Amino acid sequence: MLLVGAILLAVFLLPPPWSYVAVIAAAVVEVSEVWFWIWYTRRRRPVVGAEAFVGREAEVVAPCRPWGRVRLDGEDWAARCAVGADRGERVRVVEVESLTLVVEPAQL
């Protein structure tokens, strides 16, 4: 948008040497802004998918001995807990295998 405004200024208001300066400066600002936002979005960790579940806590809704179900973000997931966990306990996701969450008790 800044570049469009600079072009309009250059065409209708500014004399020739300043019109070139305005367009070049606006182009540099636009390119810098695009580069910054591309850099910023690529440095963040993904917040969706299986990678986002590891390390999060869930609540057991069906006893896990070793198979059961847990609720994470309002959704029920099949879970496997080698140690075992009863209904209502908090567990931490340590791994995701296909559509099954591998969990362990949160206090460990």
PDB file of N, CA and C in Angstrom:
ATOM      1  N   MET A   1       0.821  -1.187   0.000  1.00  0.00           N
ATOM      2  CA  MET A   1       0.000   0.000   0.000  1.00  0.00           C
ATOM      3  C   MET A   1       0.866   1.253   0.000  1.00  0.00           C
ATOM      4  N   LEU A   2       1.960   1.184   0.728  1.00  0.00           N
ATOM      5  CA  LEU A   2       2.875   2.321   0.769  1.00  0.00           C
ATOM      6  C   LEU A   2       3.469   2.591  -0.608  1.00  0.00           C
ATOM      7  N   LEU A   3       3.789   1.533  -1.318  1.00  0.00           N
ATOM      8  CA  LEU A   3       4.370   1.680  -2.650  1.00  0.00           C
ATOM      9  C   LEU A   3       3.373   2.326  -3.611  1.00  0.00           C
ATOM     10  N   VAL A   4       2.115   1.942  -3.518  1.00  0.00           N
ATOM     11  CA  VAL A   4       1.088   2.538  -4.378  1.00  0.00           C
ATOM     12  C   VAL A   4       0.963   4.028  -4.087  1.00  0.00           C
ATOM     13  N   GLY A   5       0.976   4.391  -2.811  1.00  0.00           N
ATOM     14  CA  GLY A   5       0.904   5.809  -2.446  1.00  0.00           C
ATOM     15  C   GLY A   5       2.103   6.586  -2.955  1.00  0.00           C
ATOM     16  N   ALA A   6       3.298   6.006  -2.878  1.00  0.00           N
ATOM     17  CA  ALA A   6       4.499   6.680  -3.372  1.00  0.00           C
ATOM     18  C   ALA A   6       4.439   6.855  -4.887  1.00  0.00           C
ATOM     19  N   ILE A   7       3.929   5.883  -5.595  1.00  0.00           N
ATOM     20  CA  ILE A   7       3.808   6.004  -7.046  1.00  0.00           C
ATOM     21  C   ILE A   7       2.827   7.115  -7.411  1.00  0.00           C
ATOM     22  N   LEU A   8       1.709   7.164  -6.693  1.00  0.00           N
ATOM     23  CA  LEU A   8       0.744   8.235  -6.957  1.00  0.00           C
ATOM     24  C   LEU A   8       1.339   9.606  -6.656  1.00  0.00           C
ATOM     25  N   LEU A   9       2.073   9.721  -5.566  1.00  0.00           N
ATOM     26  CA  LEU A   9       2.754  10.981  -5.263  1.00  0.00           C
ATOM     27  C   LEU A   9       3.747  11.346  -6.354  1.00  0.00           C
ATOM     28  N   ALA A  10       4.500  10.370  -6.810  1.00  0.00           N
ATOM     29  CA  ALA A  10       5.514  10.624  -7.825  1.00  0.00           C
ATOM     30  C   ALA A  10       4.885  11.078  -9.140  1.00  0.00           C
ATOM     31  N   VAL A  11       3.782  10.505  -9.511  1.00  0.00           N
ATOM     32  CA  VAL A  11       3.147  10.844 -10.778  1.00  0.00           C
ATOM     33  C   VAL A  11       2.458  12.201 -10.722  1.00  0.00           C
ATOM     34  N   PHE A  12       1.756  12.497  -9.618  1.00  0.00           N
ATOM     35  CA  PHE A  12       0.907  13.693  -9.594  1.00  0.00           C
ATOM     36  C   PHE A  12       1.489  14.892  -8.839  1.00  0.00           C
ATOM     37  N   LEU A  13       2.355  14.702  -7.853  1.00  0.00           N
ATOM     38  CA  LEU A  13       2.758  15.824  -7.015  1.00  0.00           C
ATOM     39  C   LEU A  13       4.255  16.153  -7.018  1.00  0.00           C
ATOM     40  N   LEU A  14       5.110  15.166  -7.017  1.00  0.00           N
ATOM     41  CA  LEU A  14       6.534  15.420  -6.815  1.00  0.00           C
ATOM     42  C   LEU A  14       7.263  15.716  -8.126  1.00  0.00           C
ATOM     43  N   PRO A  15       8.243  16.618  -8.051  1.00  0.00           N
ATOM     44  CA  PRO A  15       9.068  16.867  -9.244  1.00  0.00           C
ATOM     45  C   PRO A  15       9.991  15.676  -9.498  1.00  0.00           C
ATOM     46  N   PRO A  16      10.514  15.550 -10.718  1.00  0.00           N
ATOM     47  CA  PRO A  16      11.269  14.363 -11.123  1.00  0.00           C
ATOM     48  C   PRO A  16      12.356  13.852 -10.184  1.00  0.00           C
ATOM     49  N   PRO A  17      13.275  14.615  -9.633  1.00  0.00           N
ATOM     50  CA  PRO A  17      14.271  13.912  -8.811  1.00  0.00           C
ATOM     51  C   PRO A  17      13.665  13.317  -7.536  1.00  0.00           C
ATOM     52  N   TRP A  18      12.684  14.004  -6.945  1.00  0.00           N
ATOM     53  CA  TRP A  18      12.085  13.508  -5.699  1.00  0.00           C
ATOM     54  C   TRP A  18      11.098  12.367  -5.947  1.00  0.00           C
ATOM     55  N   SER A  19      10.529  12.307  -7.111  1.00  0.00           N
ATOM     56  CA  SER A  19       9.596  11.217  -7.410  1.00  0.00           C
ATOM     57  C   SER A  19      10.334   9.877  -7.436  1.00  0.00           C
ATOM     58  N   TYR A  20      11.559   9.882  -7.989  1.00  0.00           N
ATOM     59  CA  TYR A  20      12.349   8.659  -8.016  1.00  0.00           C
ATOM     60  C   TYR A  20      12.738   8.227  -6.595  1.00  0.00           C
ATOM     61  N   VAL A  21      13.119   9.182  -5.789  1.00  0.00           N
ATOM     62  CA  VAL A  21      13.509   8.895  -4.402  1.00  0.00           C
ATOM     63  C   VAL A  21      12.335   8.306  -3.633  1.00  0.00           C
ATOM     64  N   ALA A  22      11.151   8.890  -3.800  1.00  0.00           N
ATOM     65  CA  ALA A  22       9.969   8.410  -3.079  1.00  0.00           C
ATOM     66  C   ALA A  22       9.613   6.981  -3.478  1.00  0.00           C
ATOM     67  N   VAL A  23       9.660   6.678  -4.758  1.00  0.00           N
ATOM     68  CA  VAL A  23       9.301   5.330  -5.228  1.00  0.00           C
ATOM     69  C   VAL A  23      10.340   4.313  -4.764  1.00  0.00           C
ATOM     70  N   ILE A  24      11.622   4.653  -4.853  1.00  0.00           N
ATOM     71  CA  ILE A  24      12.672   3.732  -4.419  1.00  0.00           C
ATOM     72  C   ILE A  24      12.598   3.490  -2.918  1.00  0.00           C
ATOM     73  N   ALA A  25      12.393   4.541  -2.127  1.00  0.00           N
ATOM     74  CA  ALA A  25      12.289   4.387  -0.673  1.00  0.00           C
ATOM     75  C   ALA A  25      11.085   3.522  -0.300  1.00  0.00           C
ATOM     76  N   ALA A  26       9.949   3.741  -0.950  1.00  0.00           N
ATOM     77  CA  ALA A  26       8.759   2.939  -0.662  1.00  0.00           C
ATOM     78  C   ALA A  26       8.981   1.481  -1.050  1.00  0.00           C
ATOM     79  N   ALA A  27       9.672   1.241  -2.152  1.00  0.00           N
ATOM     80  CA  ALA A  27       9.949  -0.135  -2.580  1.00  0.00           C
ATOM     81  C   ALA A  27      10.856  -0.836  -1.574  1.00  0.00           C
ATOM     82  N   VAL A  28      11.859  -0.120  -1.067  1.00  0.00           N
ATOM     83  CA  VAL A  28      12.757  -0.704  -0.064  1.00  0.00           C
ATOM     84  C   VAL A  28      11.980  -1.056   1.203  1.00  0.00           C
ATOM     85  N   VAL A  29      11.096  -0.173   1.635  1.00  0.00           N
ATOM     86  CA  VAL A  29      10.286  -0.441   2.834  1.00  0.00           C
ATOM     87  C   VAL A  29       9.390  -1.657   2.608  1.00  0.00           C
ATOM     88  N   GLU A  30       8.744  -1.740   1.446  1.00  0.00           N
ATOM     89  CA  GLU A  30       7.858  -2.875   1.155  1.00  0.00           C
ATOM     90  C   GLU A  30       8.626  -4.201   1.138  1.00  0.00           C
ATOM     91  N   VAL A  31       9.768  -4.228   0.477  1.00  0.00           N
ATOM     92  CA  VAL A  31      10.561  -5.459   0.406  1.00  0.00           C
ATOM     93  C   VAL A  31      11.061  -5.853   1.792  1.00  0.00           C
ATOM     94  N   SER A  32      11.486  -4.878   2.583  1.00  0.00           N
ATOM     95  CA  SER A  32      11.949  -5.164   3.947  1.00  0.00           C
ATOM     96  C   SER A  32      10.826  -5.723   4.809  1.00  0.00           C
ATOM     97  N   GLU A  33       9.643  -5.170   4.665  1.00  0.00           N
ATOM     98  CA  GLU A  33       8.508  -5.652   5.450  1.00  0.00           C
ATOM     99  C   GLU A  33       8.142  -7.086   5.076  1.00  0.00           C
ATOM    100  N   VAL A  34       8.118  -7.385   3.797  1.00  0.00           N
ATOM    101  CA  VAL A  34       7.814  -8.752   3.354  1.00  0.00           C
ATOM    102  C   VAL A  34       8.871  -9.720   3.871  1.00  0.00           C
ATOM    103  N   TRP A  35      10.139  -9.351   3.753  1.00  0.00           N
ATOM    104  CA  TRP A  35      11.218 -10.206   4.246  1.00  0.00           C
ATOM    105  C   TRP A  35      11.068 -10.446   5.746  1.00  0.00           C
ATOM    106  N   PHE A  36      10.764  -9.408   6.537  1.00  0.00           N
ATOM    107  CA  PHE A  36      10.609  -9.549   7.987  1.00  0.00           C
ATOM    108  C   PHE A  36       9.499 -10.529   8.325  1.00  0.00           C
ATOM    109  N   TRP A  37       8.330 -10.401   7.696  1.00  0.00           N
ATOM    110  CA  TRP A  37       7.209 -11.274   8.039  1.00  0.00           C
ATOM    111  C   TRP A  37       7.466 -12.716   7.605  1.00  0.00           C
ATOM    112  N   ILE A  38       8.142 -12.929   6.493  1.00  0.00           N
ATOM    113  CA  ILE A  38       8.504 -14.295   6.105  1.00  0.00           C
ATOM    114  C   ILE A  38       9.451 -14.892   7.131  1.00  0.00           C
ATOM    115  N   TRP A  39      10.459 -14.143   7.548  1.00  0.00           N
ATOM    116  CA  TRP A  39      11.401 -14.608   8.561  1.00  0.00           C
ATOM    117  C   TRP A  39      10.677 -14.900   9.877  1.00  0.00           C
ATOM    118  N   TYR A  40       9.785 -14.017  10.283  1.00  0.00           N
ATOM    119  CA  TYR A  40       9.082 -14.162  11.564  1.00  0.00           C
ATOM    120  C   TYR A  40       8.189 -15.398  11.581  1.00  0.00           C
ATOM    121  N   THR A  41       7.467 -15.664  10.517  1.00  0.00           N
ATOM    122  CA  THR A  41       6.553 -16.813  10.503  1.00  0.00           C
ATOM    123  C   THR A  41       7.292 -18.134  10.396  1.00  0.00           C
ATOM    124  N   ARG A  42       8.473 -18.164   9.829  1.00  0.00           N
ATOM    125  CA  ARG A  42       9.215 -19.420   9.709  1.00  0.00           C
ATOM    126  C   ARG A  42       9.977 -19.797  10.966  1.00  0.00           C
ATOM    127  N   ARG A  43      10.189 -18.865  11.888  1.00  0.00           N
ATOM    128  CA  ARG A  43      10.975 -19.183  13.076  1.00  0.00           C
ATOM    129  C   ARG A  43      10.120 -19.746  14.205  1.00  0.00           C
ATOM    130  N   ARG A  44       8.809 -19.659  14.104  1.00  0.00           N
ATOM    131  CA  ARG A  44       7.923 -20.145  15.159  1.00  0.00           C
ATOM    132  C   ARG A  44       7.710 -21.640  15.043  1.00  0.00           C
ATOM    133  N   ARG A  45       7.486 -22.288  16.199  1.00  0.00           N
ATOM    134  CA  ARG A  45       7.200 -23.721  16.211  1.00  0.00           C
ATOM    135  C   ARG A  45       5.793 -23.975  15.696  1.00  0.00           C
ATOM    136  N   PRO A  46       5.560 -25.135  15.093  1.00  0.00           N
ATOM    137  CA  PRO A  46       4.205 -25.454  14.665  1.00  0.00           C
ATOM    138  C   PRO A  46       3.286 -25.614  15.874  1.00  0.00           C
ATOM    139  N   VAL A  47       2.070 -25.153  15.753  1.00  0.00           N
ATOM    140  CA  VAL A  47       1.126 -25.248  16.871  1.00  0.00           C
ATOM    141  C   VAL A  47      -0.059 -26.142  16.526  1.00  0.00           C
ATOM    142  N   VAL A  48       0.030 -26.878  15.449  1.00  0.00           N
ATOM    143  CA  VAL A  48      -1.011 -27.826  15.070  1.00  0.00           C
ATOM    144  C   VAL A  48      -0.361 -29.162  14.747  1.00  0.00           C
ATOM    145  N   GLY A  49      -1.156 -30.187  14.722  1.00  0.00           N
ATOM    146  CA  GLY A  49      -0.647 -31.510  14.389  1.00  0.00           C
ATOM    147  C   GLY A  49      -0.145 -32.263  15.610  1.00  0.00           C
ATOM    148  N   ALA A  50       0.410 -33.404  15.356  1.00  0.00           N
ATOM    149  CA  ALA A  50       0.864 -34.294  16.426  1.00  0.00           C
ATOM    150  C   ALA A  50       1.980 -33.673  17.257  1.00  0.00           C
ATOM    151  N   GLU A  51       2.820 -32.837  16.638  1.00  0.00           N
ATOM    152  CA  GLU A  51       3.931 -32.230  17.371  1.00  0.00           C
ATOM    153  C   GLU A  51       3.439 -31.346  18.512  1.00  0.00           C
ATOM    154  N   ALA A  52       2.266 -30.783  18.358  1.00  0.00           N
ATOM    155  CA  ALA A  52       1.730 -29.874  19.367  1.00  0.00           C
ATOM    156  C   ALA A  52       1.244 -30.613  20.617  1.00  0.00           C
ATOM    157  N   PHE A  53       0.979 -31.911  20.530  1.00  0.00           N
ATOM    158  CA  PHE A  53       0.454 -32.659  21.673  1.00  0.00           C
ATOM    159  C   PHE A  53       1.529 -33.068  22.673  1.00  0.00           C
ATOM    160  N   VAL A  54       2.724 -33.313  22.196  1.00  0.00           N
ATOM    161  CA  VAL A  54       3.782 -33.810  23.075  1.00  0.00           C
ATOM    162  C   VAL A  54       4.105 -32.770  24.137  1.00  0.00           C
ATOM    163  N   GLY A  55       4.097 -33.232  25.409  1.00  0.00           N
ATOM    164  CA  GLY A  55       4.375 -32.343  26.540  1.00  0.00           C
ATOM    165  C   GLY A  55       3.136 -31.729  27.155  1.00  0.00           C
ATOM    166  N   ARG A  56       1.979 -31.859  26.540  1.00  0.00           N
ATOM    167  CA  ARG A  56       0.736 -31.284  27.061  1.00  0.00           C
ATOM    168  C   ARG A  56       0.090 -32.241  28.051  1.00  0.00           C
ATOM    169  N   GLU A  57      -0.745 -31.691  28.926  1.00  0.00           N
ATOM    170  CA  GLU A  57      -1.452 -32.513  29.911  1.00  0.00           C
ATOM    171  C   GLU A  57      -2.868 -32.797  29.431  1.00  0.00           C
ATOM    172  N   ALA A  58      -3.361 -33.980  29.773  1.00  0.00           N
ATOM    173  CA  ALA A  58      -4.706 -34.410  29.418  1.00  0.00           C
ATOM    174  C   ALA A  58      -5.344 -35.045  30.639  1.00  0.00           C
ATOM    175  N   GLU A  59      -6.662 -35.232  30.586  1.00  0.00           N
ATOM    176  CA  GLU A  59      -7.405 -35.861  31.686  1.00  0.00           C
ATOM    177  C   GLU A  59      -7.881 -37.243  31.242  1.00  0.00           C
ATOM    178  N   VAL A  60      -7.711 -38.228  32.108  1.00  0.00           N
ATOM    179  CA  VAL A  60      -8.125 -39.596  31.791  1.00  0.00           C
ATOM    180  C   VAL A  60      -9.642 -39.690  31.935  1.00  0.00           C
ATOM    181  N   VAL A  61     -10.318 -40.179  30.879  1.00  0.00           N
ATOM    182  CA  VAL A  61     -11.771 -40.349  30.923  1.00  0.00           C
ATOM    183  C   VAL A  61     -12.172 -41.823  30.994  1.00  0.00           C
ATOM    184  N   ALA A  62     -11.281 -42.717  30.616  1.00  0.00           N
ATOM    185  CA  ALA A  62     -11.490 -44.155  30.771  1.00  0.00           C
ATOM    186  C   ALA A  62     -10.155 -44.720  31.252  1.00  0.00           C
ATOM    187  N   PRO A  63     -10.157 -45.546  32.310  1.00  0.00           N
ATOM    188  CA  PRO A  63      -8.902 -46.028  32.897  1.00  0.00           C
ATOM    189  C   PRO A  63      -7.922 -46.569  31.850  1.00  0.00           C
ATOM    190  N   CYS A  64      -6.685 -46.160  31.973  1.00  0.00           N
ATOM    191  CA  CYS A  64      -5.613 -46.601  31.063  1.00  0.00           C
ATOM    192  C   CYS A  64      -4.807 -47.681  31.764  1.00  0.00           C
ATOM    193  N   ARG A  65      -5.085 -48.951  31.455  1.00  0.00           N
ATOM    194  CA  ARG A  65      -4.354 -50.065  32.067  1.00  0.00           C
ATOM    195  C   ARG A  65      -4.149 -51.161  31.047  1.00  0.00           C
ATOM    196  N   PRO A  66      -3.320 -51.121  30.121  1.00  0.00           N
ATOM    197  CA  PRO A  66      -2.550 -49.989  29.622  1.00  0.00           C
ATOM    198  C   PRO A  66      -3.312 -49.165  28.593  1.00  0.00           C
ATOM    199  N   TRP A  67      -4.453 -49.690  28.070  1.00  0.00           N
ATOM    200  CA  TRP A  67      -5.207 -48.939  27.066  1.00  0.00           C
ATOM    201  C   TRP A  67      -6.381 -48.232  27.698  1.00  0.00           C
ATOM    202  N   GLY A  68      -6.684 -47.031  27.219  1.00  0.00           N
ATOM    203  CA  GLY A  68      -7.817 -46.279  27.730  1.00  0.00           C
ATOM    204  C   GLY A  68      -8.085 -45.066  26.850  1.00  0.00           C
ATOM    205  N   ARG A  69      -8.728 -44.059  27.443  1.00  0.00           N
ATOM    206  CA  ARG A  69      -9.051 -42.846  26.697  1.00  0.00           C
ATOM    207  C   ARG A  69      -8.717 -41.628  27.544  1.00  0.00           C
ATOM    208  N   VAL A  70      -8.254 -40.563  26.870  1.00  0.00           N
ATOM    209  CA  VAL A  70      -7.962 -39.303  27.545  1.00  0.00           C
ATOM    210  C   VAL A  70      -8.652 -38.164  26.792  1.00  0.00           C
ATOM    211  N   ARG A  71      -8.870 -37.061  27.488  1.00  0.00           N
ATOM    212  CA  ARG A  71      -9.473 -35.874  26.872  1.00  0.00           C
ATOM    213  C   ARG A  71      -8.411 -34.779  26.821  1.00  0.00           C
ATOM    214  N   LEU A  72      -8.170 -34.276  25.607  1.00  0.00           N
ATOM    215  CA  LEU A  72      -7.198 -33.214  25.385  1.00  0.00           C
ATOM    216  C   LEU A  72      -7.867 -32.159  24.511  1.00  0.00           C
ATOM    217  N   ASP A  73      -7.945 -30.934  25.004  1.00  0.00           N
ATOM    218  CA  ASP A  73      -8.592 -29.825  24.290  1.00  0.00           C
ATOM    219  C   ASP A  73     -10.028 -30.154  23.897  1.00  0.00           C
ATOM    220  N   GLY A  74     -10.749 -30.834  24.770  1.00  0.00           N
ATOM    221  CA  GLY A  74     -12.146 -31.136  24.514  1.00  0.00           C
ATOM    222  C   GLY A  74     -12.390 -32.321  23.601  1.00  0.00           C
ATOM    223  N   GLU A  75     -11.356 -33.011  23.183  1.00  0.00           N
ATOM    224  CA  GLU A  75     -11.502 -34.171  22.307  1.00  0.00           C
ATOM    225  C   GLU A  75     -11.008 -35.421  23.015  1.00  0.00           C
ATOM    226  N   ASP A  76     -11.703 -36.533  22.798  1.00  0.00           N
ATOM    227  CA  ASP A  76     -11.288 -37.811  23.368  1.00  0.00           C
ATOM    228  C   ASP A  76     -10.317 -38.505  22.422  1.00  0.00           C
ATOM    229  N   TRP A  77      -9.246 -39.045  23.008  1.00  0.00           N
ATOM    230  CA  TRP A  77      -8.215 -39.735  22.236  1.00  0.00           C
ATOM    231  C   TRP A  77      -7.954 -41.099  22.856  1.00  0.00           C
ATOM    232  N   ALA A  78      -7.641 -42.071  22.003  1.00  0.00           N
ATOM    233  CA  ALA A  78      -7.184 -43.369  22.500  1.00  0.00           C
ATOM    234  C   ALA A  78      -5.812 -43.140  23.123  1.00  0.00           C
ATOM    235  N   ALA A  79      -5.570 -43.813  24.246  1.00  0.00           N
ATOM    236  CA  ALA A  79      -4.307 -43.598  24.950  1.00  0.00           C
ATOM    237  C   ALA A  79      -3.745 -44.912  25.445  1.00  0.00           C
ATOM    238  N   ARG A  80      -2.425 -44.906  25.624  1.00  0.00           N
ATOM    239  CA  ARG A  80      -1.717 -46.055  26.190  1.00  0.00           C
ATOM    240  C   ARG A  80      -0.827 -45.528  27.300  1.00  0.00           C
ATOM    241  N   CYS A  81      -0.962 -46.131  28.485  1.00  0.00           N
ATOM    242  CA  CYS A  81      -0.172 -45.713  29.642  1.00  0.00           C
ATOM    243  C   CYS A  81       0.419 -46.963  30.281  1.00  0.00           C
ATOM    244  N   ALA A  82       1.724 -47.142  30.179  1.00  0.00           N
ATOM    245  CA  ALA A  82       2.381 -48.326  30.701  1.00  0.00           C
ATOM    246  C   ALA A  82       2.255 -48.422  32.215  1.00  0.00           C
ATOM    247  N   VAL A  83       2.320 -47.288  32.912  1.00  0.00           N
ATOM    248  CA  VAL A  83       2.237 -47.269  34.374  1.00  0.00           C
ATOM    249  C   VAL A  83       0.800 -47.465  34.838  1.00  0.00           C
ATOM    250  N   GLY A  84      -0.142 -46.964  34.072  1.00  0.00           N
ATOM    251  CA  GLY A  84      -1.550 -47.040  34.429  1.00  0.00           C
ATOM    252  C   GLY A  84      -2.027 -45.741  35.045  1.00  0.00           C
ATOM    253  N   ALA A  85      -3.268 -45.377  34.736  1.00  0.00           N
ATOM    254  CA  ALA A  85      -3.863 -44.152  35.275  1.00  0.00           C
ATOM    255  C   ALA A  85      -5.366 -44.367  35.387  1.00  0.00           C
ATOM    256  N   ASP A  86      -5.947 -43.855  36.473  1.00  0.00           N
ATOM    257  CA  ASP A  86      -7.383 -43.991  36.698  1.00  0.00           C
ATOM    258  C   ASP A  86      -8.130 -42.775  36.170  1.00  0.00           C
ATOM    259  N   ARG A  87      -9.448 -42.936  36.089  1.00  0.00           N
ATOM    260  CA  ARG A  87     -10.307 -41.859  35.593  1.00  0.00           C
ATOM    261  C   ARG A  87     -10.153 -40.610  36.458  1.00  0.00           C
ATOM    262  N   GLY A  88     -10.052 -39.439  35.781  1.00  0.00           N
ATOM    263  CA  GLY A  88      -9.930 -38.160  36.480  1.00  0.00           C
ATOM    264  C   GLY A  88      -8.500 -37.716  36.737  1.00  0.00           C
ATOM    265  N   GLU A  89      -7.528 -38.608  36.588  1.00  0.00           N
ATOM    266  CA  GLU A  89      -6.131 -38.240  36.812  1.00  0.00           C
ATOM    267  C   GLU A  89      -5.595 -37.432  35.637  1.00  0.00           C
ATOM    268  N   ARG A  90      -4.588 -36.621  35.921  1.00  0.00           N
ATOM    269  CA  ARG A  90      -3.906 -35.845  34.889  1.00  0.00           C
ATOM    270  C   ARG A  90      -2.700 -36.638  34.383  1.00  0.00           C
ATOM    271  N   VAL A  91      -2.551 -36.684  33.066  1.00  0.00           N
ATOM    272  CA  VAL A  91      -1.427 -37.370  32.445  1.00  0.00           C
ATOM    273  C   VAL A  91      -0.744 -36.433  31.455  1.00  0.00           C
ATOM    274  N   ARG A  92       0.502 -36.719  31.142  1.00  0.00           N
ATOM    275  CA  ARG A  92       1.278 -35.920  30.182  1.00  0.00           C
ATOM    276  C   ARG A  92       1.548 -36.761  28.947  1.00  0.00           C
ATOM    277  N   VAL A  93       1.347 -36.172  27.780  1.00  0.00           N
ATOM    278  CA  VAL A  93       1.595 -36.860  26.513  1.00  0.00           C
ATOM    279  C   VAL A  93       3.099 -36.882  26.262  1.00  0.00           C
ATOM    280  N   VAL A  94       3.637 -38.082  26.030  1.00  0.00           N
ATOM    281  CA  VAL A  94       5.070 -38.210  25.768  1.00  0.00           C
ATOM    282  C   VAL A  94       5.360 -38.587  24.315  1.00  0.00           C
ATOM    283  N   GLU A  95       4.353 -39.112  23.613  1.00  0.00           N
ATOM    284  CA  GLU A  95       4.566 -39.537  22.232  1.00  0.00           C
ATOM    285  C   GLU A  95       3.219 -39.700  21.553  1.00  0.00           C
ATOM    286  N   VAL A  96       3.206 -39.588  20.246  1.00  0.00           N
ATOM    287  CA  VAL A  96       1.999 -39.830  19.459  1.00  0.00           C
ATOM    288  C   VAL A  96       2.314 -40.935  18.467  1.00  0.00           C
ATOM    289  N   GLU A  97       1.536 -42.035  18.548  1.00  0.00           N
ATOM    290  CA  GLU A  97       1.684 -43.157  17.618  1.00  0.00           C
ATOM    291  C   GLU A  97       0.392 -43.278  16.825  1.00  0.00           C
ATOM    292  N   SER A  98       0.428 -42.862  15.580  1.00  0.00           N
ATOM    293  CA  SER A  98      -0.745 -42.850  14.727  1.00  0.00           C
ATOM    294  C   SER A  98      -1.829 -42.009  15.392  1.00  0.00           C
ATOM    295  N   LEU A  99      -2.955 -42.588  15.792  1.00  0.00           N
ATOM    296  CA  LEU A  99      -4.009 -41.838  16.476  1.00  0.00           C
ATOM    297  C   LEU A  99      -4.085 -42.184  17.959  1.00  0.00           C
ATOM    298  N   THR A 100      -3.023 -42.720  18.516  1.00  0.00           N
ATOM    299  CA  THR A 100      -2.965 -43.084  19.930  1.00  0.00           C
ATOM    300  C   THR A 100      -1.928 -42.230  20.636  1.00  0.00           C
ATOM    301  N   LEU A 101      -2.324 -41.670  21.777  1.00  0.00           N
ATOM    302  CA  LEU A 101      -1.393 -40.878  22.578  1.00  0.00           C
ATOM    303  C   LEU A 101      -0.734 -41.774  23.615  1.00  0.00           C
ATOM    304  N   VAL A 102       0.572 -41.748  23.691  1.00  0.00           N
ATOM    305  CA  VAL A 102       1.309 -42.474  24.723  1.00  0.00           C
ATOM    306  C   VAL A 102       1.487 -41.486  25.872  1.00  0.00           C
ATOM    307  N   VAL A 103       0.967 -41.862  27.058  1.00  0.00           N
ATOM    308  CA  VAL A 103       0.941 -40.923  28.186  1.00  0.00           C
ATOM    309  C   VAL A 103       1.615 -41.526  29.395  1.00  0.00           C
ATOM    310  N   GLU A 104       1.933 -40.653  30.357  1.00  0.00           N
ATOM    311  CA  GLU A 104       2.455 -41.049  31.657  1.00  0.00           C
ATOM    312  C   GLU A 104       1.827 -40.134  32.685  1.00  0.00           C
ATOM    313  N   PRO A 105       1.720 -40.559  33.943  1.00  0.00           N
ATOM    314  CA  PRO A 105       1.155 -39.700  34.975  1.00  0.00           C
ATOM    315  C   PRO A 105       1.883 -38.353  35.033  1.00  0.00           C
ATOM    316  N   ALA A 106       1.138 -37.266  35.225  1.00  0.00           N
ATOM    317  CA  ALA A 106       1.700 -35.919  35.170  1.00  0.00           C
ATOM    318  C   ALA A 106       2.653 -35.635  36.324  1.00  0.00           C
ATOM    319  N   GLN A 107       2.469 -36.270  37.491  1.00  0.00           N
ATOM    320  CA  GLN A 107       3.312 -35.963  38.658  1.00  0.00           C
ATOM    321  C   GLN A 107       4.684 -36.613  38.580  1.00  0.00           C
ATOM    322  N   LEU A 108       4.944 -37.472  37.598  1.00  0.00           N
ATOM    323  CA  LEU A 108       6.265 -38.102  37.465  1.00  0.00           C
ATOM    324  C   LEU A 108       7.267 -37.149  36.913  1.00  0.00           C
TER     325      LEU A 108
END
